[in-house]
PDB file of N, CA and C in Angstrom:
ATOM      1  N   MET A   1     -20.069   6.771  -8.831  1.00  0.00           N
ATOM      2  CA  MET A   1     -18.948   6.046  -7.472  1.00  0.00           C
ATOM      3  C   MET A   1     -17.963   6.440  -8.085  1.00  0.00           C
ATOM      4  N   VAL A   2     -17.372   6.424  -6.367  1.00  0.00           N
ATOM      5  CA  VAL A   2     -15.460   7.189  -6.320  1.00  0.00           C
ATOM      6  C   VAL A   2     -14.920   6.072  -6.233  1.00  0.00           C
ATOM      7  N   LYS A   3     -13.829   5.539  -7.080  1.00  0.00           N
ATOM      8  CA  LYS A   3     -12.980   4.774  -7.123  1.00  0.00           C
ATOM      9  C   LYS A   3     -11.932   5.257  -6.516  1.00  0.00           C
ATOM     10  N   THR A   4     -11.311   4.705  -5.381  1.00  0.00           N
ATOM     11  CA  THR A   4     -10.352   5.386  -4.521  1.00  0.00           C
ATOM     12  C   THR A   4      -9.063   4.380  -4.894  1.00  0.00           C
ATOM     13  N   GLN A   5      -7.731   4.818  -5.435  1.00  0.00           N
ATOM     14  CA  GLN A   5      -6.706   3.960  -5.586  1.00  0.00           C
ATOM     15  C   GLN A   5      -5.852   3.586  -4.130  1.00  0.00           C
ATOM     16  N   PHE A   6      -5.298   2.195  -4.193  1.00  0.00           N
ATOM     17  CA  PHE A   6      -4.076   2.083  -2.760  1.00  0.00           C
ATOM     18  C   PHE A   6      -3.052   1.714  -3.463  1.00  0.00           C
ATOM     19  N   PHE A   7      -2.150   2.272  -2.814  1.00  0.00           N
ATOM     20  CA  PHE A   7      -0.530   2.597  -3.319  1.00  0.00           C
ATOM     21  C   PHE A   7       0.374   1.693  -2.328  1.00  0.00           C
ATOM     22  N   CYS A   8       0.415  -0.072  -2.296  1.00  0.00           N
ATOM     23  CA  CYS A   8       1.377  -0.806  -1.384  1.00  0.00           C
ATOM     24  C   CYS A   8       2.904   0.037  -1.738  1.00  0.00           C
ATOM     25  N   LEU A   9       3.175   0.775  -0.211  1.00  0.00           N
ATOM     26  CA  LEU A   9       4.384   1.232  -0.334  1.00  0.00           C
ATOM     27  C   LEU A   9       5.464  -0.092   0.370  1.00  0.00           C
ATOM     28  N   VAL A  10       6.392  -0.875  -0.336  1.00  0.00           N
ATOM     29  CA  VAL A  10       6.992  -1.655   0.267  1.00  0.00           C
ATOM     30  C   VAL A  10       8.647  -0.748  -0.291  1.00  0.00           C
ATOM     31  N   GLY A  11       9.437  -1.317   0.296  1.00  0.00           N
ATOM     32  CA  GLY A  11      10.514  -0.734   0.271  1.00  0.00           C
ATOM     33  C   GLY A  11      11.048   0.603  -1.038  1.00  0.00           C
ATOM     34  N   ASN A  12      11.605   0.496  -2.128  1.00  0.00           N
ATOM     35  CA  ASN A  12      11.377   1.857  -2.871  1.00  0.00           C
ATOM     36  C   ASN A  12      10.037   1.940  -3.679  1.00  0.00           C
ATOM     37  N   GLU A  13       9.291   1.324  -3.699  1.00  0.00           N
ATOM     38  CA  GLU A  13       7.719   1.988  -4.315  1.00  0.00           C
ATOM     39  C   GLU A  13       7.659   3.596  -4.327  1.00  0.00           C
ATOM     40  N   GLY A  14       8.047   4.158  -2.952  1.00  0.00           N
ATOM     41  CA  GLY A  14       7.618   5.273  -3.305  1.00  0.00           C
ATOM     42  C   GLY A  14       8.329   6.620  -4.114  1.00  0.00           C
ATOM     43  N   GLU A  15       9.842   5.943  -4.467  1.00  0.00           N
ATOM     44  CA  GLU A  15      10.376   6.405  -4.820  1.00  0.00           C
ATOM     45  C   GLU A  15       9.683   6.450  -6.580  1.00  0.00           C
ATOM     46  N   ARG A  16       9.111   5.187  -6.980  1.00  0.00           N
ATOM     47  CA  ARG A  16       8.658   4.679  -8.264  1.00  0.00           C
ATOM     48  C   ARG A  16       7.338   5.372  -8.455  1.00  0.00           C
ATOM     49  N   ILE A  17       6.663   5.637  -7.130  1.00  0.00           N
ATOM     50  CA  ILE A  17       5.463   6.713  -7.655  1.00  0.00           C
ATOM     51  C   ILE A  17       6.240   8.183  -8.112  1.00  0.00           C
ATOM     52  N   GLU A  18       6.803   8.911  -7.300  1.00  0.00           N
ATOM     53  CA  GLU A  18       7.493   9.850  -7.632  1.00  0.00           C
ATOM     54  C   GLU A  18       7.932   9.728  -9.215  1.00  0.00           C
ATOM     55  N   LYS A  19       8.449   8.900  -9.479  1.00  0.00           N
ATOM     56  CA  LYS A  19       8.884   8.882 -11.172  1.00  0.00           C
ATOM     57  C   LYS A  19       7.723   8.585 -12.232  1.00  0.00           C
ATOM     58  N   LYS A  20       6.802   8.078 -11.834  1.00  0.00           N
ATOM     59  CA  LYS A  20       5.603   7.777 -12.562  1.00  0.00           C
ATOM     60  C   LYS A  20       4.449   8.667 -12.299  1.00  0.00           C
ATOM     61  N   ARG A  21       4.177   9.308 -11.467  1.00  0.00           N
ATOM     62  CA  ARG A  21       3.250  10.163 -11.449  1.00  0.00           C
ATOM     63  C   ARG A  21       3.412  11.815 -11.092  1.00  0.00           C
ATOM     64  N   THR A  22       2.723  12.772 -11.549  1.00  0.00           N
ATOM     65  CA  THR A  22       2.984  13.547 -11.011  1.00  0.00           C
ATOM     66  C   THR A  22       2.542  14.028  -9.617  1.00  0.00           C
ATOM     67  N   ILE A  23       3.137  14.099  -8.594  1.00  0.00           N
ATOM     68  CA  ILE A  23       3.219  13.899  -7.439  1.00  0.00           C
ATOM     69  C   ILE A  23       1.913  15.050  -6.722  1.00  0.00           C
ATOM     70  N   SER A  24       1.879  16.122  -7.248  1.00  0.00           N
ATOM     71  CA  SER A  24       1.380  17.195  -7.100  1.00  0.00           C
ATOM     72  C   SER A  24      -0.460  16.656  -6.886  1.00  0.00           C
ATOM     73  N   SER A  25      -0.375  16.361  -7.921  1.00  0.00           N
ATOM     74  CA  SER A  25      -1.617  15.526  -8.197  1.00  0.00           C
ATOM     75  C   SER A  25      -2.016  14.442  -7.836  1.00  0.00           C
ATOM     76  N   PHE A  26      -1.354  13.708  -7.445  1.00  0.00           N
ATOM     77  CA  PHE A  26      -1.561  12.377  -5.896  1.00  0.00           C
ATOM     78  C   PHE A  26      -3.121  12.361  -5.352  1.00  0.00           C
ATOM     79  N   ASP A  27      -3.511  11.570  -6.166  1.00  0.00           N
ATOM     80  CA  ASP A  27      -5.072  11.348  -5.091  1.00  0.00           C
ATOM     81  C   ASP A  27      -5.332   9.824  -4.842  1.00  0.00           C
ATOM     82  N   GLY A  28      -4.236   9.170  -4.297  1.00  0.00           N
ATOM     83  CA  GLY A  28      -4.506   7.696  -3.831  1.00  0.00           C
ATOM     84  C   GLY A  28      -4.225   8.161  -2.695  1.00  0.00           C
ATOM     85  N   ILE A  29      -4.003   6.725  -1.870  1.00  0.00           N
ATOM     86  CA  ILE A  29      -4.207   6.477  -0.228  1.00  0.00           C
ATOM     87  C   ILE A  29      -2.386   5.225  -0.352  1.00  0.00           C
ATOM     88  N   CYS A  30      -1.651   5.918   0.060  1.00  0.00           N
ATOM     89  CA  CYS A  30      -0.254   4.983   0.482  1.00  0.00           C
ATOM     90  C   CYS A  30      -0.528   3.991   1.690  1.00  0.00           C
ATOM     91  N   VAL A  31      -0.228   2.931   1.613  1.00  0.00           N
ATOM     92  CA  VAL A  31      -0.436   1.934   2.781  1.00  0.00           C
ATOM     93  C   VAL A  31       0.711   1.057   2.734  1.00  0.00           C
ATOM     94  N   LEU A  32       1.471   1.537   4.459  1.00  0.00           N
ATOM     95  CA  LEU A  32       2.811   0.807   5.030  1.00  0.00           C
ATOM     96  C   LEU A  32       2.692  -0.595   5.125  1.00  0.00           C
ATOM     97  N   PRO A  33       3.455  -1.504   5.174  1.00  0.00           N
ATOM     98  CA  PRO A  33       3.147  -2.681   5.928  1.00  0.00           C
ATOM     99  C   PRO A  33       3.319  -2.487   7.817  1.00  0.00           C
ATOM    100  N   PRO A  34       3.188  -3.600   7.924  1.00  0.00           N
ATOM    101  CA  PRO A  34       3.035  -3.374   9.675  1.00  0.00           C
ATOM    102  C   PRO A  34       4.525  -3.546  10.140  1.00  0.00           C
ATOM    103  N   TYR A  35       4.469  -2.559  11.380  1.00  0.00           N
ATOM    104  CA  TYR A  35       5.551  -2.517  12.214  1.00  0.00           C
ATOM    105  C   TYR A  35       5.647  -3.749  12.957  1.00  0.00           C
ATOM    106  N   PRO A  36       7.113  -4.532  13.423  1.00  0.00           N
ATOM    107  CA  PRO A  36       8.589  -3.739  12.611  1.00  0.00           C
ATOM    108  C   PRO A  36       8.276  -4.138  10.952  1.00  0.00           C
ATOM    109  N   ARG A  37       9.209  -3.525  10.013  1.00  0.00           N
ATOM    110  CA  ARG A  37       9.030  -3.977   8.809  1.00  0.00           C
ATOM    111  C   ARG A  37       9.984  -4.607   8.612  1.00  0.00           C
ATOM    112  N   ILE A  38      10.608  -5.310   7.623  1.00  0.00           N
ATOM    113  CA  ILE A  38      11.766  -6.160   7.313  1.00  0.00           C
ATOM    114  C   ILE A  38      12.440  -5.248   6.535  1.00  0.00           C
ATOM    115  N   MET A  39      12.077  -4.151   5.390  1.00  0.00           N
ATOM    116  CA  MET A  39      12.507  -3.773   4.292  1.00  0.00           C
ATOM    117  C   MET A  39      12.553  -2.051   4.864  1.00  0.00           C
ATOM    118  N   GLU A  40      13.748  -1.140   4.853  1.00  0.00           N
ATOM    119  CA  GLU A  40      13.232   0.430   4.801  1.00  0.00           C
ATOM    120  C   GLU A  40      12.103   0.826   4.048  1.00  0.00           C
ATOM    121  N   THR A  41      11.673   1.519   3.909  1.00  0.00           N
ATOM    122  CA  THR A  41      10.400   2.157   3.247  1.00  0.00           C
ATOM    123  C   THR A  41      10.705   3.197   2.834  1.00  0.00           C
ATOM    124  N   ASP A  42      10.721   3.436   1.811  1.00  0.00           N
ATOM    125  CA  ASP A  42      10.756   5.333   1.185  1.00  0.00           C
ATOM    126  C   ASP A  42       9.587   5.768   1.230  1.00  0.00           C
ATOM    127  N   VAL A  43       9.165   6.888   1.919  1.00  0.00           N
ATOM    128  CA  VAL A  43       7.540   7.727   1.907  1.00  0.00           C
ATOM    129  C   VAL A  43       7.975   9.180   1.319  1.00  0.00           C
ATOM    130  N   PRO A  44       7.743   9.144   0.332  1.00  0.00           N
ATOM    131  CA  PRO A  44       7.764  10.468  -0.741  1.00  0.00           C
ATOM    132  C   PRO A  44       7.002  11.508   0.625  1.00  0.00           C
ATOM    133  N   VAL A  45       7.588  12.969   1.175  1.00  0.00           N
ATOM    134  CA  VAL A  45       7.272  13.773   1.818  1.00  0.00           C
ATOM    135  C   VAL A  45       5.979  14.213   1.305  1.00  0.00           C
ATOM    136  N   SER A  46       5.481  14.806   0.392  1.00  0.00           N
ATOM    137  CA  SER A  46       4.460  15.102  -0.220  1.00  0.00           C
ATOM    138  C   SER A  46       3.217  13.986   0.021  1.00  0.00           C
ATOM    139  N   VAL A  47       3.473  12.646   0.085  1.00  0.00           N
ATOM    140  CA  VAL A  47       2.299  11.996   0.256  1.00  0.00           C
ATOM    141  C   VAL A  47       2.312  11.367   1.679  1.00  0.00           C
ATOM    142  N   LYS A  48       3.171  12.022   2.466  1.00  0.00           N
ATOM    143  CA  LYS A  48       3.174  11.498   4.328  1.00  0.00           C
ATOM    144  C   LYS A  48       1.697  11.952   4.691  1.00  0.00           C
ATOM    145  N   GLY A  49       0.635  12.527   4.281  1.00  0.00           N
ATOM    146  CA  GLY A  49      -0.338  12.968   4.662  1.00  0.00           C
ATOM    147  C   GLY A  49      -1.539  11.858   4.460  1.00  0.00           C
ATOM    148  N   LYS A  50      -1.240  11.048   3.179  1.00  0.00           N
ATOM    149  CA  LYS A  50      -1.837  10.301   2.254  1.00  0.00           C
ATOM    150  C   LYS A  50      -1.696   9.034   3.124  1.00  0.00           C
ATOM    151  N   THR A  51      -0.958   8.720   3.693  1.00  0.00           N
ATOM    152  CA  THR A  51      -0.183   7.266   4.055  1.00  0.00           C
ATOM    153  C   THR A  51      -0.637   6.806   5.697  1.00  0.00           C
ATOM    154  N   PHE A  52      -0.990   5.843   5.211  1.00  0.00           N
ATOM    155  CA  PHE A  52      -1.241   4.579   6.585  1.00  0.00           C
ATOM    156  C   PHE A  52      -0.533   3.653   6.494  1.00  0.00           C
ATOM    157  N   GLU A  53      -0.082   2.755   7.901  1.00  0.00           N
ATOM    158  CA  GLU A  53      -0.112   2.022   8.098  1.00  0.00           C
ATOM    159  C   GLU A  53      -0.822   0.830   8.789  1.00  0.00           C
ATOM    160  N   LEU A  54      -0.878  -0.524   8.192  1.00  0.00           N
ATOM    161  CA  LEU A  54      -1.485  -1.589   8.714  1.00  0.00           C
ATOM    162  C   LEU A  54      -1.090  -2.091   9.627  1.00  0.00           C
ATOM    163  N   PHE A  55      -2.201  -2.231  10.612  1.00  0.00           N
ATOM    164  CA  PHE A  55      -1.912  -3.097  11.786  1.00  0.00           C
ATOM    165  C   PHE A  55      -1.318  -4.204  11.933  1.00  0.00           C
ATOM    166  N   GLU A  56      -1.938  -4.892  11.117  1.00  0.00           N
ATOM    167  CA  GLU A  56      -1.312  -6.382  11.166  1.00  0.00           C
ATOM    168  C   GLU A  56      -1.642  -6.878   9.974  1.00  0.00           C
ATOM    169  N   THR A  57      -1.034  -7.996   9.424  1.00  0.00           N
ATOM    170  CA  THR A  57      -1.698  -8.883   8.159  1.00  0.00           C
ATOM    171  C   THR A  57      -1.955 -10.441   9.431  1.00  0.00           C
ATOM    172  N   THR A  58      -3.181 -10.474   9.000  1.00  0.00           N
ATOM    173  CA  THR A  58      -4.073 -11.489   9.474  1.00  0.00           C
ATOM    174  C   THR A  58      -4.084 -13.139   8.665  1.00  0.00           C
ATOM    175  N   PHE A  59      -3.651 -12.978   7.435  1.00  0.00           N
ATOM    176  CA  PHE A  59      -4.061 -14.064   6.673  1.00  0.00           C
ATOM    177  C   PHE A  59      -2.627 -15.168   6.072  1.00  0.00           C
ATOM    178  N   VAL A  60      -1.555 -14.538   6.783  1.00  0.00           N
ATOM    179  CA  VAL A  60      -0.252 -14.684   5.921  1.00  0.00           C
ATOM    180  C   VAL A  60       0.671 -15.229   7.226  1.00  0.00           C
ATOM    181  N   ASP A  61       1.828 -16.091   7.336  1.00  0.00           N
ATOM    182  CA  ASP A  61       2.831 -16.150   8.381  1.00  0.00           C
ATOM    183  C   ASP A  61       3.935 -15.811   7.923  1.00  0.00           C
ATOM    184  N   LYS A  62       3.898 -15.639   6.782  1.00  0.00           N
ATOM    185  CA  LYS A  62       5.143 -14.951   6.285  1.00  0.00           C
ATOM    186  C   LYS A  62       4.918 -13.882   5.174  1.00  0.00           C
ATOM    187  N   TYR A  63       6.171 -13.211   4.500  1.00  0.00           N
ATOM    188  CA  TYR A  63       5.781 -11.968   3.472  1.00  0.00           C
ATOM    189  C   TYR A  63       4.749 -11.097   4.194  1.00  0.00           C
ATOM    190  N   HIS A  64       4.963 -10.678   5.316  1.00  0.00           N
ATOM    191  CA  HIS A  64       4.105  -9.282   5.621  1.00  0.00           C
ATOM    192  C   HIS A  64       4.443  -8.095   4.655  1.00  0.00           C
ATOM    193  N   ASP A  65       5.822  -7.994   4.568  1.00  0.00           N
ATOM    194  CA  ASP A  65       5.734  -7.320   3.589  1.00  0.00           C
ATOM    195  C   ASP A  65       5.933  -7.051   2.003  1.00  0.00           C
ATOM    196  N   SER A  66       5.236  -8.151   1.641  1.00  0.00           N
ATOM    197  CA  SER A  66       4.832  -8.218  -0.099  1.00  0.00           C
ATOM    198  C   SER A  66       4.029  -7.612  -0.490  1.00  0.00           C
ATOM    199  N   CYS A  67       3.808  -6.853  -1.270  1.00  0.00           N
ATOM    200  CA  CYS A  67       2.849  -5.978  -2.008  1.00  0.00           C
ATOM    201  C   CYS A  67       1.453  -6.371  -1.834  1.00  0.00           C
ATOM    202  N   THR A  68       1.855  -8.228  -2.557  1.00  0.00           N
ATOM    203  CA  THR A  68       0.442  -8.539  -2.795  1.00  0.00           C
ATOM    204  C   THR A  68      -0.317  -9.076  -1.206  1.00  0.00           C
ATOM    205  N   SER A  69       0.821  -9.267  -0.156  1.00  0.00           N
ATOM    206  CA  SER A  69      -0.027  -9.436   1.222  1.00  0.00           C
ATOM    207  C   SER A  69      -1.014  -7.803   1.597  1.00  0.00           C
ATOM    208  N   LEU A  70       0.202  -6.756   1.378  1.00  0.00           N
ATOM    209  CA  LEU A  70      -0.747  -5.812   1.721  1.00  0.00           C
ATOM    210  C   LEU A  70      -1.792  -5.533   0.692  1.00  0.00           C
ATOM    211  N   ALA A  71      -1.712  -5.862  -0.206  1.00  0.00           N
ATOM    212  CA  ALA A  71      -3.189  -6.173  -1.035  1.00  0.00           C
ATOM    213  C   ALA A  71      -4.543  -6.583  -0.662  1.00  0.00           C
ATOM    214  N   LEU A  72      -3.917  -7.759  -0.555  1.00  0.00           N
ATOM    215  CA  LEU A  72      -5.150  -8.658   0.406  1.00  0.00           C
ATOM    216  C   LEU A  72      -5.575  -8.015   1.654  1.00  0.00           C
ATOM    217  N   GLN A  73      -4.688  -8.033   2.041  1.00  0.00           N
ATOM    218  CA  GLN A  73      -5.149  -7.601   3.581  1.00  0.00           C
ATOM    219  C   GLN A  73      -5.902  -5.991   3.718  1.00  0.00           C
ATOM    220  N   ILE A  74      -5.173  -5.076   2.728  1.00  0.00           N
ATOM    221  CA  ILE A  74      -6.477  -4.227   2.641  1.00  0.00           C
ATOM    222  C   ILE A  74      -7.802  -4.630   2.053  1.00  0.00           C
ATOM    223  N   ALA A  75      -7.868  -5.404   0.997  1.00  0.00           N
ATOM    224  CA  ALA A  75      -9.391  -6.061   0.776  1.00  0.00           C
ATOM    225  C   ALA A  75     -10.070  -6.801   1.640  1.00  0.00           C
ATOM    226  N   LEU A  76      -9.255  -7.391   2.614  1.00  0.00           N
ATOM    227  CA  LEU A  76      -9.865  -7.888   4.073  1.00  0.00           C
ATOM    228  C   LEU A  76     -10.485  -7.217   4.725  1.00  0.00           C
ATOM    229  N   ASN A  77      -9.540  -5.808   4.725  1.00  0.00           N
ATOM    230  CA  ASN A  77      -9.674  -4.906   5.918  1.00  0.00           C
ATOM    231  C   ASN A  77     -11.295  -4.178   5.545  1.00  0.00           C
ATOM    232  N   LEU A  78     -11.755  -3.880   4.461  1.00  0.00           N
ATOM    233  CA  LEU A  78     -12.819  -3.303   3.280  1.00  0.00           C
ATOM    234  C   LEU A  78     -13.591  -3.904   3.142  1.00  0.00           C
ATOM    235  N   ASN A  79     -13.150  -5.399   3.156  1.00  0.00           N
ATOM    236  CA  ASN A  79     -14.343  -6.326   3.732  1.00  0.00           C
ATOM    237  C   ASN A  79     -15.201  -6.590   1.936  1.00  0.00           C
ATOM    238  N   VAL A  80     -14.182  -6.288   0.972  1.00  0.00           N
ATOM    239  CA  VAL A  80     -14.792  -6.458  -0.412  1.00  0.00           C
ATOM    240  C   VAL A  80     -15.361  -7.689  -1.032  1.00  0.00           C
ATOM    241  N   ASP A  81     -15.916  -7.767  -1.390  1.00  0.00           N
ATOM    242  CA  ASP A  81     -16.689  -9.029  -1.975  1.00  0.00           C
ATOM    243  C   ASP A  81     -16.070  -9.906  -3.299  1.00  0.00           C
ATOM    244  N   THR A  82     -15.540  -9.302  -4.119  1.00  0.00           N
ATOM    245  CA  THR A  82     -14.882  -9.719  -5.067  1.00  0.00           C
ATOM    246  C   THR A  82     -13.504  -9.060  -5.653  1.00  0.00           C
ATOM    247  N   ILE A  83     -12.144 -10.112  -5.822  1.00  0.00           N
ATOM    248  CA  ILE A  83     -10.839  -9.450  -5.652  1.00  0.00           C
ATOM    249  C   ILE A  83     -10.670 -10.142  -7.270  1.00  0.00           C
ATOM    250  N   TYR A  84     -10.070  -9.163  -8.021  1.00  0.00           N
ATOM    251  CA  TYR A  84      -9.798  -9.169  -9.180  1.00  0.00           C
ATOM    252  C   TYR A  84      -8.183  -9.320  -9.704  1.00  0.00           C
ATOM    253  N   SER A  85      -7.890 -10.290 -10.520  1.00  0.00           N
ATOM    254  CA  SER A  85      -6.200 -10.420 -10.735  1.00  0.00           C
ATOM    255  C   SER A  85      -5.934 -10.091 -12.271  1.00  0.00           C
ATOM    256  N   TRP A  86      -4.789  -9.180 -12.714  1.00  0.00           N
ATOM    257  CA  TRP A  86      -4.726  -9.259 -14.035  1.00  0.00           C
ATOM    258  C   TRP A  86      -3.713 -10.319 -14.446  1.00  0.00           C
ATOM    259  N   LEU A  87      -3.219 -11.579 -13.672  1.00  0.00           N
ATOM    260  CA  LEU A  87      -2.376 -12.359 -13.845  1.00  0.00           C
ATOM    261  C   LEU A  87      -3.230 -13.191 -14.330  1.00  0.00           C
TER     262      LEU A  87
END
């Protein structure tokens, strides 16, 4: 079973990925909030080909640019059965 990691790029999250991971071996998918975005989003050049923008967030009226909203919308789009939280 192949597990795909999704990285929600909100604000300066792109910079954090560059600092914490070897970007040349990056094998995840980056997801941007829907346009128009409240915050400017930094997308590292090396992941632009692996970056996608959500069309919309369908389950909230506020906080469309939060990492949690993006993560839950990705799960909804993928029709997942179970969502786990580390909190």
